[in-house]
Amino acid sequence: MLLNIGYGNFVMASRVISIVSPSAAPMKKLRDLAGNVNKLVDATHGRRTRSIIVMDSDHVILSAINPETIASRFASEEGDSEALES
């Protein structure tokens, strides 16, 4: 299943490890480290970064959508996939 992270950008929901706020110092460091090893994907379209999505491939994705919004979309995707499996 694809997870909408805003402005026409999608990621594989099954590969998401965490969705976090970018304001904490460790998240700023994570963002910098990912940029240094070419694992940073900026999906903000020039807007302010409101969430950081960490993938199981060690990629770090920046999104302009709030973490709560992405989490609710993620939860609804999980509910849809469970309904399909039943």
N, C-alpha and C. Protein backbone atom coordinates (compact mmCIF):
# COMPACT_ATOMS: atom_id res chain seq x y z
N MET A 1 0.82 -1.18 0.00
CA MET A 1 0.00 0.00 0.00
C MET A 1 0.88 1.25 0.00
N LEU A 2 0.41 2.25 -0.71
CA LEU A 2 1.11 3.52 -0.77
C LEU A 2 0.55 4.48 0.26
N LEU A 3 1.43 5.25 0.87
CA LEU A 3 1.07 6.23 1.88
C LEU A 3 1.30 7.62 1.30
N ASN A 4 0.25 8.44 1.29
CA ASN A 4 0.35 9.80 0.77
C ASN A 4 1.06 10.67 1.80
N ILE A 5 2.21 11.24 1.40
CA ILE A 5 2.96 12.11 2.31
C ILE A 5 2.85 13.57 1.90
N GLY A 6 1.92 13.84 0.99
CA GLY A 6 1.62 15.22 0.62
C GLY A 6 2.13 15.63 -0.73
N TYR A 7 1.34 16.51 -1.38
CA TYR A 7 1.70 17.15 -2.64
C TYR A 7 2.06 16.15 -3.74
N GLY A 8 1.30 15.07 -3.81
CA GLY A 8 1.49 14.09 -4.86
C GLY A 8 2.63 13.12 -4.64
N ASN A 9 3.14 13.05 -3.42
CA ASN A 9 4.25 12.15 -3.10
C ASN A 9 3.73 10.98 -2.26
N PHE A 10 4.23 9.79 -2.56
CA PHE A 10 3.81 8.58 -1.88
C PHE A 10 5.03 7.74 -1.51
N VAL A 11 4.90 6.99 -0.42
CA VAL A 11 5.93 6.02 -0.02
C VAL A 11 5.23 4.69 0.27
N MET A 12 6.00 3.62 0.26
CA MET A 12 5.44 2.31 0.61
C MET A 12 5.19 2.27 2.12
N ALA A 13 3.94 2.10 2.50
CA ALA A 13 3.56 2.11 3.92
C ALA A 13 4.26 0.99 4.69
N SER A 14 4.47 -0.13 4.05
CA SER A 14 5.08 -1.27 4.73
C SER A 14 6.57 -1.06 5.04
N ARG A 15 7.18 -0.04 4.45
CA ARG A 15 8.60 0.21 4.66
C ARG A 15 8.89 1.34 5.63
N VAL A 16 7.83 1.98 6.16
CA VAL A 16 7.99 3.09 7.10
C VAL A 16 8.33 2.55 8.48
N ILE A 17 9.39 3.09 9.07
CA ILE A 17 9.77 2.73 10.44
C ILE A 17 9.20 3.73 11.43
N SER A 18 9.34 5.03 11.13
CA SER A 18 8.81 6.03 12.05
C SER A 18 8.47 7.32 11.31
N ILE A 19 7.58 8.09 11.94
CA ILE A 19 7.19 9.42 11.46
C ILE A 19 7.38 10.34 12.64
N VAL A 20 8.33 11.29 12.52
CA VAL A 20 8.70 12.11 13.67
C VAL A 20 8.69 13.60 13.31
N SER A 21 8.66 14.41 14.35
CA SER A 21 8.73 15.86 14.19
C SER A 21 10.19 16.26 14.00
N PRO A 22 10.47 17.23 13.14
CA PRO A 22 11.85 17.60 12.84
C PRO A 22 12.50 18.56 13.84
N SER A 23 11.77 18.98 14.87
CA SER A 23 12.28 20.04 15.73
C SER A 23 13.34 19.60 16.73
N ALA A 24 13.38 18.35 17.11
CA ALA A 24 14.35 17.88 18.10
C ALA A 24 15.76 17.82 17.51
N ALA A 25 16.73 18.06 18.33
CA ALA A 25 18.13 18.06 17.89
C ALA A 25 18.56 16.73 17.26
N PRO A 26 18.17 15.57 17.83
CA PRO A 26 18.56 14.31 17.19
C PRO A 26 17.99 14.16 15.78
N MET A 27 16.81 14.72 15.55
CA MET A 27 16.22 14.64 14.21
C MET A 27 16.96 15.53 13.22
N LYS A 28 17.44 16.66 13.69
CA LYS A 28 18.25 17.54 12.84
C LYS A 28 19.56 16.83 12.47
N LYS A 29 20.13 16.13 13.43
CA LYS A 29 21.36 15.38 13.17
C LYS A 29 21.10 14.24 12.19
N LEU A 30 19.98 13.53 12.36
CA LEU A 30 19.60 12.45 11.45
C LEU A 30 19.45 12.97 10.02
N ARG A 31 18.82 14.13 9.90
CA ARG A 31 18.63 14.77 8.59
C ARG A 31 19.98 15.10 7.94
N ASP A 32 20.88 15.66 8.73
CA ASP A 32 22.21 16.00 8.21
C ASP A 32 22.99 14.76 7.81
N LEU A 33 22.96 13.72 8.64
CA LEU A 33 23.67 12.48 8.32
C LEU A 33 23.13 11.83 7.06
N ALA A 34 21.81 11.83 6.90
CA ALA A 34 21.21 11.24 5.69
C ALA A 34 21.62 12.03 4.45
N GLY A 35 21.70 13.33 4.58
CA GLY A 35 22.14 14.15 3.45
C GLY A 35 23.58 13.87 3.06
N ASN A 36 24.42 13.60 4.04
CA ASN A 36 25.83 13.33 3.77
C ASN A 36 26.05 12.02 3.03
N VAL A 37 25.16 11.04 3.21
CA VAL A 37 25.32 9.74 2.56
C VAL A 37 24.31 9.53 1.42
N ASN A 38 23.73 10.64 0.93
CA ASN A 38 22.79 10.60 -0.20
C ASN A 38 21.58 9.70 0.06
N LYS A 39 21.05 9.75 1.27
CA LYS A 39 19.86 8.98 1.62
C LYS A 39 18.72 9.92 2.05
N LEU A 40 18.83 11.20 1.71
CA LEU A 40 17.82 12.18 2.08
C LEU A 40 16.95 12.50 0.87
N VAL A 41 15.63 12.41 1.06
CA VAL A 41 14.68 12.73 0.00
C VAL A 41 13.83 13.90 0.49
N ASP A 42 13.87 15.00 -0.22
CA ASP A 42 13.10 16.19 0.15
C ASP A 42 11.80 16.20 -0.65
N ALA A 43 10.69 15.89 0.01
CA ALA A 43 9.38 15.86 -0.64
C ALA A 43 8.52 17.03 -0.18
N THR A 44 9.15 18.14 0.21
CA THR A 44 8.42 19.29 0.75
C THR A 44 7.96 20.26 -0.34
N HIS A 45 8.52 20.17 -1.53
CA HIS A 45 8.20 21.11 -2.62
C HIS A 45 8.46 22.55 -2.19
N GLY A 46 9.53 22.76 -1.45
CA GLY A 46 9.92 24.10 -1.03
C GLY A 46 9.19 24.63 0.19
N ARG A 47 8.34 23.86 0.76
CA ARG A 47 7.60 24.28 1.95
C ARG A 47 8.37 23.89 3.21
N ARG A 48 7.90 24.37 4.34
CA ARG A 48 8.55 24.08 5.61
C ARG A 48 8.43 22.59 5.94
N THR A 49 9.53 22.00 6.43
CA THR A 49 9.51 20.59 6.83
C THR A 49 8.76 20.45 8.14
N ARG A 50 7.71 19.63 8.12
CA ARG A 50 6.90 19.42 9.32
C ARG A 50 7.01 18.00 9.85
N SER A 51 7.53 17.09 9.03
CA SER A 51 7.72 15.72 9.52
C SER A 51 8.89 15.07 8.79
N ILE A 52 9.48 14.11 9.49
CA ILE A 52 10.57 13.31 8.93
C ILE A 52 10.12 11.86 8.99
N ILE A 53 10.22 11.19 7.85
CA ILE A 53 9.81 9.80 7.75
C ILE A 53 11.07 8.96 7.58
N VAL A 54 11.26 8.00 8.46
CA VAL A 54 12.42 7.12 8.41
C VAL A 54 11.98 5.79 7.80
N MET A 55 12.69 5.36 6.77
CA MET A 55 12.34 4.14 6.06
C MET A 55 13.28 3.00 6.46
N ASP A 56 12.87 1.77 6.19
CA ASP A 56 13.70 0.61 6.54
C ASP A 56 14.95 0.50 5.67
N SER A 57 15.02 1.26 4.60
CA SER A 57 16.20 1.28 3.72
C SER A 57 17.22 2.33 4.16
N ASP A 58 17.01 2.92 5.33
CA ASP A 58 17.84 4.01 5.88
C ASP A 58 17.64 5.33 5.16
N HIS A 59 16.65 5.42 4.28
CA HIS A 59 16.33 6.70 3.66
C HIS A 59 15.55 7.55 4.66
N VAL A 60 15.77 8.85 4.58
CA VAL A 60 15.06 9.82 5.41
C VAL A 60 14.30 10.73 4.46
N ILE A 61 12.99 10.82 4.65
CA ILE A 61 12.15 11.59 3.75
C ILE A 61 11.56 12.77 4.51
N LEU A 62 11.70 13.96 3.93
CA LEU A 62 11.16 15.17 4.52
C LEU A 62 9.79 15.44 3.91
N SER A 63 8.82 15.77 4.74
CA SER A 63 7.47 16.06 4.26
C SER A 63 6.98 17.37 4.86
N ALA A 64 6.12 18.07 4.12
CA ALA A 64 5.53 19.32 4.59
C ALA A 64 4.21 19.09 5.30
N ILE A 65 3.85 17.84 5.53
CA ILE A 65 2.60 17.49 6.20
C ILE A 65 2.91 17.15 7.66
N ASN A 66 2.02 17.53 8.57
CA ASN A 66 2.22 17.25 9.99
C ASN A 66 2.31 15.75 10.27
N PRO A 67 3.13 15.35 11.25
CA PRO A 67 3.25 13.92 11.59
C PRO A 67 1.90 13.29 11.96
N GLU A 68 1.05 14.03 12.66
CA GLU A 68 -0.25 13.49 13.05
C GLU A 68 -1.11 13.16 11.84
N THR A 69 -1.06 14.01 10.82
CA THR A 69 -1.83 13.79 9.60
C THR A 69 -1.33 12.55 8.87
N ILE A 70 -0.02 12.43 8.75
CA ILE A 70 0.55 11.26 8.08
C ILE A 70 0.23 9.99 8.88
N ALA A 71 0.32 10.08 10.20
CA ALA A 71 0.02 8.92 11.04
C ALA A 71 -1.43 8.50 10.89
N SER A 72 -2.35 9.45 10.79
CA SER A 72 -3.76 9.08 10.62
C SER A 72 -3.97 8.45 9.24
N ARG A 73 -3.27 8.94 8.23
CA ARG A 73 -3.35 8.32 6.90
C ARG A 73 -2.77 6.91 6.94
N PHE A 74 -1.68 6.76 7.68
CA PHE A 74 -1.05 5.45 7.83
C PHE A 74 -2.00 4.47 8.52
N ALA A 75 -2.65 4.94 9.58
CA ALA A 75 -3.59 4.10 10.32
C ALA A 75 -4.77 3.70 9.45
N SER A 76 -5.26 4.63 8.63
CA SER A 76 -6.39 4.29 7.76
C SER A 76 -5.96 3.32 6.68
N GLU A 77 -4.73 3.42 6.19
CA GLU A 77 -4.21 2.46 5.21
C GLU A 77 -4.12 1.08 5.84
N GLU A 78 -3.65 1.01 7.09
CA GLU A 78 -3.54 -0.27 7.79
C GLU A 78 -4.92 -0.87 7.98
N GLY A 79 -5.91 -0.06 8.32
CA GLY A 79 -7.27 -0.56 8.50
C GLY A 79 -7.85 -1.06 7.19
N ASP A 80 -7.56 -0.37 6.08
CA ASP A 80 -8.05 -0.80 4.77
C ASP A 80 -7.44 -2.12 4.37
N SER A 81 -6.14 -2.29 4.62
CA SER A 81 -5.49 -3.54 4.22
C SER A 81 -5.97 -4.71 5.07
N GLU A 82 -6.27 -4.47 6.35
CA GLU A 82 -6.81 -5.53 7.21
C GLU A 82 -8.20 -5.92 6.75
N ALA A 83 -8.99 -4.96 6.31
CA ALA A 83 -10.34 -5.25 5.83
C ALA A 83 -10.27 -6.07 4.55
N LEU A 84 -9.28 -5.82 3.70
CA LEU A 84 -9.13 -6.56 2.47
C LEU A 84 -8.70 -8.01 2.74
N GLU A 85 -7.89 -8.22 3.78
CA GLU A 85 -7.40 -9.55 4.11
C GLU A 85 -8.49 -10.42 4.73
N SER A 86 -9.47 -9.80 5.39
CA SER A 86 -10.53 -10.57 6.08
C SER A 86 -11.48 -11.21 5.12
